[in-house]
Amino acid sequence: MTEVMTIGEPMVNLIADSDQTYMEARTLPTQMAGAEFNVAIGVRRQGHTVSYVTTLGNDWQGDMIVDYMTNAGIDTANIRRSGEAATGSQLKVVLPDGDPKVIYFRKGSAASRTTPDIVDGIDFSGLKILHVSGVFAALAANTYETIERLVDAAREHGALVTFDPNPRPTLWPSEEEMIAATNKLAAKCDVFMPGLSEGQMFSGREDARDVADFYLDMGVKQVIIKLGASGSALFSRNENGERVETVVPSFVVDVVDTVGAGDGFASGAITALLEDLPADRLLERANAVGAIQVTSVSDSEGLPTREQLESFIANTPRKEVSL
């Protein structure tokens, strides 16, 4: 079995990366996309094993995704194929400010029809970390229930559970329902990784320390808060119940495309947890992978190998950060 497992919706990513609009373009580079897919690629490139749980259609998109994962060394044993629905895809239009426009073709996709019974056939032996995100949870009631069952099963087998809320408000009936469902899932997890604005929305608190306390009081072991482009902070409690915090700055880079930065950050944090790195080294690695990712137009192609990551950390200037 693999060290890391994740569940999500991998998609074929068509990119309009020229000066033309996507309506004018006649050729579109094809890559892969999906929040959890990006995390899996990041984990694999840093030298760790990872498996992916999902449902794909019996179509060329599904074949392409399975082939890509296999070639990347991602375990696909827990991927179902279905002839009843298509594999999702997306079109990304790269804009000059680094914040692209993304158009999704995923409604009613095969992944959105994943049901909790997919968990019944999973071998959890040797699993150390399960990573989940709020994207797959938001697709449908059945995908949320699937994540809940997978989280429960992973914890029963002794795995650590990491959770990036990665909110998609348009996929929920209301913001209130999104907040309630996200916090319910957070309470089941060991490591919660929101951006500061996300943590403020989900907790109803403003200060980063208060956001962290909200989730630590809930039973979460570690709260890792992304502080935008400036850096990140990790909060936990010591044996006396006192809050312990670590704040680490990010790196100076030229931003090309912001998509996938949080996923890169998560892959850095996950591999640091696997290697039992101290809090400052964990945040340094997570910040570095996120910073490297924004220098690439692809959602995951820019994610670094271990050697590239170490060189970047050693040779790239740092920013300043404070809470």
C-alpha atoms as a PDB file:
ATOM      1  CA  MET A   1       0.000   0.000   0.000  1.00  0.00           C
ATOM      2  CA  THR A   2       1.072   3.627  -0.397  1.00  0.00           C
ATOM      3  CA  GLU A   3       2.096   6.187   2.218  1.00  0.00           C
ATOM      4  CA  VAL A   4      -0.474   8.769   1.101  1.00  0.00           C
ATOM      5  CA  MET A   5      -4.007   8.478  -0.276  1.00  0.00           C
ATOM      6  CA  THR A   6      -6.295  11.142  -1.657  1.00  0.00           C
ATOM      7  CA  ILE A   7      -9.757  11.288  -3.179  1.00  0.00           C
ATOM      8  CA  GLY A   8     -11.016  13.799  -5.720  1.00  0.00           C
ATOM      9  CA  GLU A   9     -11.944  14.603  -9.296  1.00  0.00           C
ATOM     10  CA  PRO A  10      -9.029  14.630 -11.732  1.00  0.00           C
ATOM     11  CA  MET A  11      -9.827  16.417 -14.981  1.00  0.00           C
ATOM     12  CA  VAL A  12      -8.343  16.999 -18.400  1.00  0.00           C
ATOM     13  CA  ASN A  13      -7.168  20.621 -18.484  1.00  0.00           C
ATOM     14  CA  LEU A  14      -7.295  22.514 -21.777  1.00  0.00           C
ATOM     15  CA  ILE A  15      -5.180  25.677 -21.621  1.00  0.00           C
ATOM     16  CA  ALA A  16      -5.513  28.788 -23.792  1.00  0.00           C
ATOM     17  CA  ASP A  17      -2.097  30.192 -22.992  1.00  0.00           C
ATOM     18  CA  SER A  18      -1.554  32.612 -25.886  1.00  0.00           C
ATOM     19  CA  ASP A  19      -2.642  36.187 -26.519  1.00  0.00           C
ATOM     20  CA  GLN A  20      -5.709  34.820 -28.255  1.00  0.00           C
ATOM     21  CA  THR A  21      -8.955  34.388 -26.371  1.00  0.00           C
ATOM     22  CA  TYR A  22     -10.141  30.831 -25.883  1.00  0.00           C
ATOM     23  CA  MET A  23     -12.854  31.493 -28.468  1.00  0.00           C
ATOM     24  CA  GLU A  24     -10.180  32.351 -31.057  1.00  0.00           C
ATOM     25  CA  ALA A  25      -7.673  29.659 -30.235  1.00  0.00           C
ATOM     26  CA  ARG A  26      -7.476  26.668 -32.562  1.00  0.00           C
ATOM     27  CA  THR A  27      -4.997  24.558 -30.605  1.00  0.00           C
ATOM     28  CA  LEU A  28      -5.197  24.011 -26.858  1.00  0.00           C
ATOM     29  CA  PRO A  29      -2.416  22.340 -24.863  1.00  0.00           C
ATOM     30  CA  THR A  30      -3.779  19.419 -22.864  1.00  0.00           C
ATOM     31  CA  GLN A  31      -2.673  18.826 -19.283  1.00  0.00           C
ATOM     32  CA  MET A  32      -4.211  17.467 -16.079  1.00  0.00           C
ATOM     33  CA  ALA A  33      -6.063  19.342 -13.322  1.00  0.00           C
ATOM     34  CA  GLY A  34      -7.899  18.905 -10.045  1.00  0.00           C
ATOM     35  CA  ALA A  35      -6.937  20.034  -6.552  1.00  0.00           C
ATOM     36  CA  GLU A  36      -6.308  16.592  -5.124  1.00  0.00           C
ATOM     37  CA  PHE A  37      -4.588  15.486  -8.334  1.00  0.00           C
ATOM     38  CA  ASN A  38      -2.142  18.380  -7.967  1.00  0.00           C
ATOM     39  CA  VAL A  39      -1.420  17.303  -4.392  1.00  0.00           C
ATOM     40  CA  ALA A  40      -0.802  13.725  -5.522  1.00  0.00           C
ATOM     41  CA  ILE A  41       1.665  14.877  -8.177  1.00  0.00           C
ATOM     42  CA  GLY A  42       3.461  17.068  -5.635  1.00  0.00           C
ATOM     43  CA  VAL A  43       3.757  14.216  -3.145  1.00  0.00           C
ATOM     44  CA  ARG A  44       5.050  11.824  -5.796  1.00  0.00           C
ATOM     45  CA  ARG A  45       7.657  14.251  -7.110  1.00  0.00           C
ATOM     46  CA  GLN A  46       9.033  14.643  -3.611  1.00  0.00           C
ATOM     47  CA  GLY A  47       9.739  10.928  -3.510  1.00  0.00           C
ATOM     48  CA  HIS A  48       6.753   9.501  -1.648  1.00  0.00           C
ATOM     49  CA  THR A  49       4.135   6.973  -2.727  1.00  0.00           C
ATOM     50  CA  VAL A  50       0.526   8.013  -3.264  1.00  0.00           C
ATOM     51  CA  SER A  51      -2.756   6.457  -4.403  1.00  0.00           C
ATOM     52  CA  TYR A  52      -5.865   8.083  -5.836  1.00  0.00           C
ATOM     53  CA  VAL A  53      -9.514   7.235  -5.220  1.00  0.00           C
ATOM     54  CA  THR A  54     -12.153   8.359  -7.732  1.00  0.00           C
ATOM     55  CA  THR A  55     -14.533   7.374 -10.519  1.00  0.00           C
ATOM     56  CA  LEU A  56     -13.752   8.123 -14.177  1.00  0.00           C
ATOM     57  CA  GLY A  57     -15.785   7.634 -17.314  1.00  0.00           C
ATOM     58  CA  ASN A  58     -15.065   4.996 -19.936  1.00  0.00           C
ATOM     59  CA  ASP A  59     -13.841   7.675 -22.326  1.00  0.00           C
ATOM     60  CA  TRP A  60     -10.645   9.105 -23.779  1.00  0.00           C
ATOM     61  CA  GLN A  61     -10.381  11.639 -20.970  1.00  0.00           C
ATOM     62  CA  GLY A  62     -10.478   8.880 -18.376  1.00  0.00           C
ATOM     63  CA  ASP A  63      -7.918   6.853 -20.319  1.00  0.00           C
ATOM     64  CA  MET A  64      -5.628   9.887 -20.537  1.00  0.00           C
ATOM     65  CA  ILE A  65      -5.850  10.538 -16.783  1.00  0.00           C
ATOM     66  CA  VAL A  66      -5.155   6.911 -15.843  1.00  0.00           C
ATOM     67  CA  ASP A  67      -2.206   6.770 -18.256  1.00  0.00           C
ATOM     68  CA  TYR A  68      -0.798  10.036 -16.886  1.00  0.00           C
ATOM     69  CA  MET A  69      -1.133   8.878 -13.289  1.00  0.00           C
ATOM     70  CA  THR A  70       0.438   5.523 -14.061  1.00  0.00           C
ATOM     71  CA  ASN A  71       3.390   7.151 -15.798  1.00  0.00           C
ATOM     72  CA  ALA A  72       3.769   9.545 -12.839  1.00  0.00           C
ATOM     73  CA  GLY A  73       3.904   6.629 -10.412  1.00  0.00           C
ATOM     74  CA  ILE A  74       0.498   7.255  -8.788  1.00  0.00           C
ATOM     75  CA  ASP A  75      -1.367   4.106  -7.728  1.00  0.00           C
ATOM     76  CA  THR A  76      -4.656   3.830  -9.667  1.00  0.00           C
ATOM     77  CA  ALA A  77      -5.935   0.599  -8.097  1.00  0.00           C
ATOM     78  CA  ASN A  78      -8.795   2.462  -6.379  1.00  0.00           C
ATOM     79  CA  ILE A  79     -10.103   4.196  -9.499  1.00  0.00           C
ATOM     80  CA  ARG A  80     -13.470   2.981 -10.749  1.00  0.00           C
ATOM     81  CA  ARG A  81     -14.496   3.299 -14.389  1.00  0.00           C
ATOM     82  CA  SER A  82     -18.100   3.950 -15.355  1.00  0.00           C
ATOM     83  CA  GLY A  83     -19.980   3.928 -18.625  1.00  0.00           C
ATOM     84  CA  GLU A  84     -22.855   5.949 -17.191  1.00  0.00           C
ATOM     85  CA  ALA A  85     -21.193   9.375 -17.052  1.00  0.00           C
ATOM     86  CA  ALA A  86     -18.304  11.260 -18.615  1.00  0.00           C
ATOM     87  CA  THR A  87     -14.981  12.281 -17.103  1.00  0.00           C
ATOM     88  CA  GLY A  88     -14.902  15.951 -16.125  1.00  0.00           C
ATOM     89  CA  SER A  89     -12.749  18.535 -17.890  1.00  0.00           C
ATOM     90  CA  GLN A  90     -11.922  22.215 -17.642  1.00  0.00           C
ATOM     91  CA  LEU A  91     -10.776  25.085 -19.844  1.00  0.00           C
ATOM     92  CA  LYS A  92      -8.272  27.516 -18.349  1.00  0.00           C
ATOM     93  CA  VAL A  93      -7.723  30.932 -19.892  1.00  0.00           C
ATOM     94  CA  VAL A  94      -4.465  32.492 -18.732  1.00  0.00           C
ATOM     95  CA  LEU A  95      -4.771  36.219 -17.991  1.00  0.00           C
ATOM     96  CA  PRO A  96      -1.953  38.802 -17.640  1.00  0.00           C
ATOM     97  CA  ASP A  97      -2.432  39.311 -13.888  1.00  0.00           C
ATOM     98  CA  GLY A  98      -1.688  35.664 -13.050  1.00  0.00           C
ATOM     99  CA  ASP A  99      -5.253  34.890 -11.916  1.00  0.00           C
ATOM    100  CA  PRO A 100      -6.742  32.733 -14.716  1.00  0.00           C
ATOM    101  CA  LYS A 101     -10.340  32.239 -15.732  1.00  0.00           C
ATOM    102  CA  VAL A 102     -11.427  28.613 -15.398  1.00  0.00           C
ATOM    103  CA  ILE A 103     -14.502  27.165 -17.089  1.00  0.00           C
ATOM    104  CA  TYR A 104     -15.613  23.754 -15.811  1.00  0.00           C
ATOM    105  CA  PHE A 105     -17.339  20.916 -17.644  1.00  0.00           C
ATOM    106  CA  ARG A 106     -17.993  18.660 -14.673  1.00  0.00           C
ATOM    107  CA  LYS A 107     -21.714  18.731 -13.854  1.00  0.00           C
ATOM    108  CA  GLY A 108     -22.989  15.156 -13.542  1.00  0.00           C
ATOM    109  CA  SER A 109     -19.479  13.784 -14.108  1.00  0.00           C
ATOM    110  CA  ALA A 110     -18.445  10.251 -13.269  1.00  0.00           C
ATOM    111  CA  ALA A 111     -16.470  11.479 -10.247  1.00  0.00           C
ATOM    112  CA  SER A 112     -19.522  13.299  -8.865  1.00  0.00           C
ATOM    113  CA  ARG A 113     -21.360   9.960  -8.837  1.00  0.00           C
ATOM    114  CA  THR A 114     -18.816   8.245  -6.586  1.00  0.00           C
ATOM    115  CA  THR A 115     -20.598   6.456  -3.754  1.00  0.00           C
ATOM    116  CA  PRO A 116     -19.422   5.469  -0.252  1.00  0.00           C
ATOM    117  CA  ASP A 117     -19.181   1.791  -1.120  1.00  0.00           C
ATOM    118  CA  ILE A 118     -15.972   2.544  -3.045  1.00  0.00           C
ATOM    119  CA  VAL A 119     -14.292   2.617   0.387  1.00  0.00           C
ATOM    120  CA  ASP A 120     -15.196  -1.016   1.047  1.00  0.00           C
ATOM    121  CA  GLY A 121     -12.629  -2.327  -1.438  1.00  0.00           C
ATOM    122  CA  ILE A 122      -9.675  -0.208  -0.301  1.00  0.00           C
ATOM    123  CA  ASP A 123      -6.589  -1.752   1.289  1.00  0.00           C
ATOM    124  CA  PHE A 124      -5.429   0.627   4.043  1.00  0.00           C
ATOM    125  CA  SER A 125      -2.392  -1.372   5.120  1.00  0.00           C
ATOM    126  CA  GLY A 126       0.683   0.848   5.408  1.00  0.00           C
ATOM    127  CA  LEU A 127      -1.260   4.065   4.858  1.00  0.00           C
ATOM    128  CA  LYS A 128       0.182   6.989   6.839  1.00  0.00           C
ATOM    129  CA  ILE A 129      -1.772  10.024   5.599  1.00  0.00           C
ATOM    130  CA  LEU A 130      -5.159  10.519   3.951  1.00  0.00           C
ATOM    131  CA  HIS A 131      -5.584  13.930   2.319  1.00  0.00           C
ATOM    132  CA  VAL A 132      -9.038  15.304   1.501  1.00  0.00           C
ATOM    133  CA  SER A 133     -10.307  18.644   0.255  1.00  0.00           C
ATOM    134  CA  GLY A 134     -13.548  20.581   0.232  1.00  0.00           C
ATOM    135  CA  VAL A 135     -13.793  20.419  -3.564  1.00  0.00           C
ATOM    136  CA  PHE A 136     -14.779  16.759  -3.802  1.00  0.00           C
ATOM    137  CA  ALA A 137     -16.940  17.111  -0.699  1.00  0.00           C
ATOM    138  CA  ALA A 138     -18.953  19.833  -2.459  1.00  0.00           C
ATOM    139  CA  LEU A 139     -19.753  17.937  -5.660  1.00  0.00           C
ATOM    140  CA  ALA A 140     -22.783  16.052  -4.326  1.00  0.00           C
ATOM    141  CA  ALA A 141     -24.271  14.592  -1.170  1.00  0.00           C
ATOM    142  CA  ASN A 142     -22.888  11.174  -2.116  1.00  0.00           C
ATOM    143  CA  THR A 143     -19.310  12.481  -2.523  1.00  0.00           C
ATOM    144  CA  TYR A 144     -19.488  14.161   0.888  1.00  0.00           C
ATOM    145  CA  GLU A 145     -20.705  10.901   2.414  1.00  0.00           C
ATOM    146  CA  THR A 146     -17.903   9.065   0.597  1.00  0.00           C
ATOM    147  CA  ILE A 147     -15.278  11.365   2.120  1.00  0.00           C
ATOM    148  CA  GLU A 148     -16.788  10.897   5.585  1.00  0.00           C
ATOM    149  CA  ARG A 149     -16.614   7.119   5.281  1.00  0.00           C
ATOM    150  CA  LEU A 150     -13.080   7.253   3.896  1.00  0.00           C
ATOM    151  CA  VAL A 151     -11.907   9.539   6.717  1.00  0.00           C
ATOM    152  CA  ASP A 152     -13.455   7.258   9.337  1.00  0.00           C
ATOM    153  CA  ALA A 153     -11.897   4.164   7.776  1.00  0.00           C
ATOM    154  CA  ALA A 154      -8.448   5.762   7.457  1.00  0.00           C
ATOM    155  CA  ARG A 155      -8.468   6.853  11.097  1.00  0.00           C
ATOM    156  CA  GLU A 156      -9.543   3.374  12.183  1.00  0.00           C
ATOM    157  CA  HIS A 157      -6.423   2.088  10.424  1.00  0.00           C
ATOM    158  CA  GLY A 158      -4.192   4.594  12.235  1.00  0.00           C
ATOM    159  CA  ALA A 159      -3.674   7.097   9.409  1.00  0.00           C
ATOM    160  CA  LEU A 160      -3.333  10.848   9.919  1.00  0.00           C
ATOM    161  CA  VAL A 161      -5.989  12.888   8.075  1.00  0.00           C
ATOM    162  CA  THR A 162      -5.160  16.242   6.480  1.00  0.00           C
ATOM    163  CA  PHE A 163      -7.891  18.553   5.188  1.00  0.00           C
ATOM    164  CA  ASP A 164      -7.661  21.560   2.865  1.00  0.00           C
ATOM    165  CA  PRO A 165     -11.124  23.210   2.817  1.00  0.00           C
ATOM    166  CA  ASN A 166     -10.483  24.728  -0.641  1.00  0.00           C
ATOM    167  CA  PRO A 167     -14.002  26.249  -0.709  1.00  0.00           C
ATOM    168  CA  ARG A 168     -16.155  26.253  -3.831  1.00  0.00           C
ATOM    169  CA  PRO A 169     -19.227  28.316  -2.800  1.00  0.00           C
ATOM    170  CA  THR A 170     -20.956  27.902  -6.173  1.00  0.00           C
ATOM    171  CA  LEU A 171     -21.146  24.137  -5.604  1.00  0.00           C
ATOM    172  CA  TRP A 172     -23.116  24.519  -2.350  1.00  0.00           C
ATOM    173  CA  PRO A 173     -26.808  25.475  -1.931  1.00  0.00           C
ATOM    174  CA  SER A 174     -25.768  28.224   0.515  1.00  0.00           C
ATOM    175  CA  GLU A 175     -22.745  29.589   2.338  1.00  0.00           C
ATOM    176  CA  GLU A 176     -24.265  28.481   5.639  1.00  0.00           C
ATOM    177  CA  GLU A 177     -24.499  24.875   4.459  1.00  0.00           C
ATOM    178  CA  MET A 178     -20.917  25.006   3.146  1.00  0.00           C
ATOM    179  CA  ILE A 179     -19.625  26.302   6.485  1.00  0.00           C
ATOM    180  CA  ALA A 180     -21.520  23.706   8.533  1.00  0.00           C
ATOM    181  CA  ALA A 181     -20.435  20.812   6.303  1.00  0.00           C
ATOM    182  CA  THR A 182     -16.818  21.977   6.231  1.00  0.00           C
ATOM    183  CA  ASN A 183     -16.588  22.332  10.007  1.00  0.00           C
ATOM    184  CA  LYS A 184     -18.204  18.937  10.514  1.00  0.00           C
ATOM    185  CA  LEU A 185     -15.506  17.397   8.336  1.00  0.00           C
ATOM    186  CA  ALA A 186     -12.732  19.432   9.982  1.00  0.00           C
ATOM    187  CA  ALA A 187     -13.704  17.994  13.374  1.00  0.00           C
ATOM    188  CA  LYS A 188     -12.920  14.513  12.020  1.00  0.00           C
ATOM    189  CA  CYS A 189      -9.448  15.478  10.790  1.00  0.00           C
ATOM    190  CA  ASP A 190      -6.022  15.841  12.389  1.00  0.00           C
ATOM    191  CA  VAL A 191      -4.528  18.676  10.332  1.00  0.00           C
ATOM    192  CA  PHE A 192      -6.641  21.556   8.969  1.00  0.00           C
ATOM    193  CA  MET A 193      -5.062  23.800   6.299  1.00  0.00           C
ATOM    194  CA  PRO A 194      -7.175  26.872   5.429  1.00  0.00           C
ATOM    195  CA  GLY A 195      -6.106  30.164   3.959  1.00  0.00           C
ATOM    196  CA  LEU A 196      -6.595  32.993   6.442  1.00  0.00           C
ATOM    197  CA  SER A 197      -9.683  34.384   4.675  1.00  0.00           C
ATOM    198  CA  GLU A 198     -11.106  30.859   4.482  1.00  0.00           C
ATOM    199  CA  GLY A 199     -10.475  30.254   8.160  1.00  0.00           C
ATOM    200  CA  GLN A 200     -12.151  33.562   8.990  1.00  0.00           C
ATOM    201  CA  MET A 201     -15.223  32.613   6.974  1.00  0.00           C
ATOM    202  CA  PHE A 202     -15.515  29.098   8.398  1.00  0.00           C
ATOM    203  CA  SER A 203     -14.840  30.022  12.030  1.00  0.00           C
ATOM    204  CA  GLY A 204     -16.486  33.456  12.164  1.00  0.00           C
ATOM    205  CA  ARG A 205     -13.324  34.822  13.788  1.00  0.00           C
ATOM    206  CA  GLU A 206     -10.885  37.425  12.443  1.00  0.00           C
ATOM    207  CA  ASP A 207      -7.508  36.998  14.128  1.00  0.00           C
ATOM    208  CA  ALA A 208      -5.408  34.053  12.911  1.00  0.00           C
ATOM    209  CA  ARG A 209      -4.824  32.880  16.492  1.00  0.00           C
ATOM    210  CA  ASP A 210      -8.546  32.939  17.206  1.00  0.00           C
ATOM    211  CA  VAL A 211      -9.209  30.995  14.007  1.00  0.00           C
ATOM    212  CA  ALA A 212      -6.655  28.407  15.128  1.00  0.00           C
ATOM    213  CA  ASP A 213      -8.204  28.173  18.610  1.00  0.00           C
ATOM    214  CA  PHE A 214     -11.627  27.543  17.079  1.00  0.00           C
ATOM    215  CA  TYR A 215     -10.318  24.368  15.423  1.00  0.00           C
ATOM    216  CA  LEU A 216      -7.919  23.308  18.175  1.00  0.00           C
ATOM    217  CA  ASP A 217     -10.858  23.443  20.595  1.00  0.00           C
ATOM    218  CA  MET A 218     -12.700  21.215  18.129  1.00  0.00           C
ATOM    219  CA  GLY A 219     -10.012  18.550  18.516  1.00  0.00           C
ATOM    220  CA  VAL A 220      -7.882  19.273  15.455  1.00  0.00           C
ATOM    221  CA  LYS A 221      -4.225  18.543  16.317  1.00  0.00           C
ATOM    222  CA  GLN A 222      -2.580  21.079  14.016  1.00  0.00           C
ATOM    223  CA  VAL A 223      -3.989  24.132  12.233  1.00  0.00           C
ATOM    224  CA  ILE A 224      -1.841  25.389   9.354  1.00  0.00           C
ATOM    225  CA  ILE A 225      -2.953  28.792   8.078  1.00  0.00           C
ATOM    226  CA  LYS A 226      -1.768  30.146   4.719  1.00  0.00           C
ATOM    227  CA  LEU A 227      -1.142  33.882   5.072  1.00  0.00           C
ATOM    228  CA  GLY A 228      -1.467  34.764   1.393  1.00  0.00           C
ATOM    229  CA  ALA A 229       1.757  35.381  -0.505  1.00  0.00           C
ATOM    230  CA  SER A 230       3.679  36.389   2.625  1.00  0.00           C
ATOM    231  CA  GLY A 231       3.982  33.011   4.369  1.00  0.00           C
ATOM    232  CA  SER A 232       2.177  30.663   6.730  1.00  0.00           C
ATOM    233  CA  ALA A 233       1.658  29.766  10.380  1.00  0.00           C
ATOM    234  CA  LEU A 234       1.245  26.489  12.261  1.00  0.00           C
ATOM    235  CA  PHE A 235      -0.664  26.236  15.540  1.00  0.00           C
ATOM    236  CA  SER A 236      -0.901  23.334  17.975  1.00  0.00           C
ATOM    237  CA  ARG A 237      -1.209  22.753  21.716  1.00  0.00           C
ATOM    238  CA  ASN A 238       1.467  21.440  24.072  1.00  0.00           C
ATOM    239  CA  GLU A 239       0.941  18.908  26.855  1.00  0.00           C
ATOM    240  CA  ASN A 240      -0.302  21.693  29.128  1.00  0.00           C
ATOM    241  CA  GLY A 241      -2.953  22.755  26.638  1.00  0.00           C
ATOM    242  CA  GLU A 242      -1.131  25.978  25.770  1.00  0.00           C
ATOM    243  CA  ARG A 243      -1.193  27.191  22.182  1.00  0.00           C
ATOM    244  CA  VAL A 244       2.141  26.912  20.344  1.00  0.00           C
ATOM    245  CA  GLU A 245       2.683  28.864  17.133  1.00  0.00           C
ATOM    246  CA  THR A 246       5.295  28.970  14.381  1.00  0.00           C
ATOM    247  CA  VAL A 247       5.324  31.612  11.615  1.00  0.00           C
ATOM    248  CA  VAL A 248       7.551  31.302   8.531  1.00  0.00           C
ATOM    249  CA  PRO A 249       7.889  33.676   5.539  1.00  0.00           C
ATOM    250  CA  SER A 250       7.451  32.649   1.922  1.00  0.00           C
ATOM    251  CA  PHE A 251       9.785  33.302  -1.015  1.00  0.00           C
ATOM    252  CA  VAL A 252      10.226  36.078  -3.584  1.00  0.00           C
ATOM    253  CA  VAL A 253       9.093  34.864  -7.042  1.00  0.00           C
ATOM    254  CA  ASP A 254       7.550  36.209 -10.239  1.00  0.00           C
ATOM    255  CA  VAL A 255       3.916  35.060 -10.370  1.00  0.00           C
ATOM    256  CA  VAL A 256       2.716  33.531 -13.645  1.00  0.00           C
ATOM    257  CA  ASP A 257      -0.393  31.581 -12.598  1.00  0.00           C
ATOM    258  CA  THR A 258      -1.844  31.344  -9.082  1.00  0.00           C
ATOM    259  CA  VAL A 259      -3.825  28.135  -9.654  1.00  0.00           C
ATOM    260  CA  GLY A 260      -2.419  25.191  -7.730  1.00  0.00           C
ATOM    261  CA  ALA A 261      -0.456  27.230  -5.189  1.00  0.00           C
ATOM    262  CA  GLY A 262      -2.500  25.915  -2.265  1.00  0.00           C
ATOM    263  CA  ASP A 263      -2.279  22.369  -3.604  1.00  0.00           C
ATOM    264  CA  GLY A 264       1.486  22.675  -3.884  1.00  0.00           C
ATOM    265  CA  PHE A 265       1.575  24.008  -0.337  1.00  0.00           C
ATOM    266  CA  ALA A 266      -0.441  20.999   0.837  1.00  0.00           C
ATOM    267  CA  SER A 267       1.911  18.532  -0.873  1.00  0.00           C
ATOM    268  CA  GLY A 268       4.862  20.169   0.869  1.00  0.00           C
ATOM    269  CA  ALA A 269       3.142  19.994   4.245  1.00  0.00           C
ATOM    270  CA  ILE A 270       2.126  16.358   3.736  1.00  0.00           C
ATOM    271  CA  THR A 271       5.614  15.177   2.815  1.00  0.00           C
ATOM    272  CA  ALA A 272       7.051  17.136   5.753  1.00  0.00           C
ATOM    273  CA  LEU A 273       4.591  15.359   8.050  1.00  0.00           C
ATOM    274  CA  LEU A 274       5.670  12.011   6.593  1.00  0.00           C
ATOM    275  CA  GLU A 275       9.280  12.888   7.355  1.00  0.00           C
ATOM    276  CA  ASP A 276       8.443  14.203  10.834  1.00  0.00           C
ATOM    277  CA  LEU A 277      10.026  17.595  10.153  1.00  0.00           C
ATOM    278  CA  PRO A 278       9.742  20.301  12.850  1.00  0.00           C
ATOM    279  CA  ALA A 279       7.146  23.029  12.381  1.00  0.00           C
ATOM    280  CA  ASP A 280       9.508  25.627  10.909  1.00  0.00           C
ATOM    281  CA  ARG A 281      10.900  23.194   8.340  1.00  0.00           C
ATOM    282  CA  LEU A 282       7.399  21.995   7.494  1.00  0.00           C
ATOM    283  CA  LEU A 283       6.224  25.524   6.746  1.00  0.00           C
ATOM    284  CA  GLU A 284       9.417  26.338   4.854  1.00  0.00           C
ATOM    285  CA  ARG A 285       8.880  23.368   2.547  1.00  0.00           C
ATOM    286  CA  ALA A 286       5.171  24.040   2.081  1.00  0.00           C
ATOM    287  CA  ASN A 287       5.819  27.722   1.324  1.00  0.00           C
ATOM    288  CA  ALA A 288       8.538  26.777  -1.157  1.00  0.00           C
ATOM    289  CA  VAL A 289       6.426  24.320  -3.132  1.00  0.00           C
ATOM    290  CA  GLY A 290       3.554  26.817  -3.280  1.00  0.00           C
ATOM    291  CA  ALA A 291       5.917  29.566  -4.455  1.00  0.00           C
ATOM    292  CA  ILE A 292       7.453  27.368  -7.144  1.00  0.00           C
ATOM    293  CA  GLN A 293       4.008  26.371  -8.423  1.00  0.00           C
ATOM    294  CA  VAL A 294       2.918  29.960  -9.135  1.00  0.00           C
ATOM    295  CA  THR A 295       5.844  30.383 -11.529  1.00  0.00           C
ATOM    296  CA  SER A 296       4.284  27.839 -13.942  1.00  0.00           C
ATOM    297  CA  VAL A 297       1.229  28.140 -16.191  1.00  0.00           C
ATOM    298  CA  SER A 298       0.227  24.542 -15.489  1.00  0.00           C
ATOM    299  CA  ASP A 299      -1.738  23.443 -12.422  1.00  0.00           C
ATOM    300  CA  SER A 300       0.878  20.803 -11.566  1.00  0.00           C
ATOM    301  CA  GLU A 301       3.628  20.626 -14.193  1.00  0.00           C
ATOM    302  CA  GLY A 302       5.767  23.091 -12.234  1.00  0.00           C
ATOM    303  CA  LEU A 303       5.711  21.109  -9.000  1.00  0.00           C
ATOM    304  CA  PRO A 304       9.313  20.389  -8.006  1.00  0.00           C
ATOM    305  CA  THR A 305      11.363  17.277  -7.517  1.00  0.00           C
ATOM    306  CA  ARG A 306      13.225  16.947  -4.217  1.00  0.00           C
ATOM    307  CA  GLU A 307      16.442  18.234  -5.799  1.00  0.00           C
ATOM    308  CA  GLN A 308      14.718  21.251  -7.364  1.00  0.00           C
ATOM    309  CA  LEU A 309      13.002  22.021  -4.069  1.00  0.00           C
ATOM    310  CA  GLU A 310      16.209  21.918  -2.060  1.00  0.00           C
ATOM    311  CA  SER A 311      17.969  24.194  -4.561  1.00  0.00           C
ATOM    312  CA  PHE A 312      15.084  26.674  -4.495  1.00  0.00           C
ATOM    313  CA  ILE A 313      15.053  26.844  -0.699  1.00  0.00           C
ATOM    314  CA  ALA A 314      18.818  27.358  -0.579  1.00  0.00           C
ATOM    315  CA  ASN A 315      18.968  30.057  -3.232  1.00  0.00           C
ATOM    316  CA  THR A 316      15.734  32.086  -3.137  1.00  0.00           C
ATOM    317  CA  PRO A 317      15.279  35.233  -1.009  1.00  0.00           C
ATOM    318  CA  ARG A 318      12.585  35.307   1.663  1.00  0.00           C
ATOM    319  CA  LYS A 319       9.787  37.756   2.294  1.00  0.00           C
ATOM    320  CA  GLU A 320       8.763  39.242   5.616  1.00  0.00           C
ATOM    321  CA  VAL A 321       5.743  37.929   7.503  1.00  0.00           C
ATOM    322  CA  SER A 322       3.902  38.574  10.754  1.00  0.00           C
ATOM    323  CA  LEU A 323       0.566  37.703  12.284  1.00  0.00           C
END
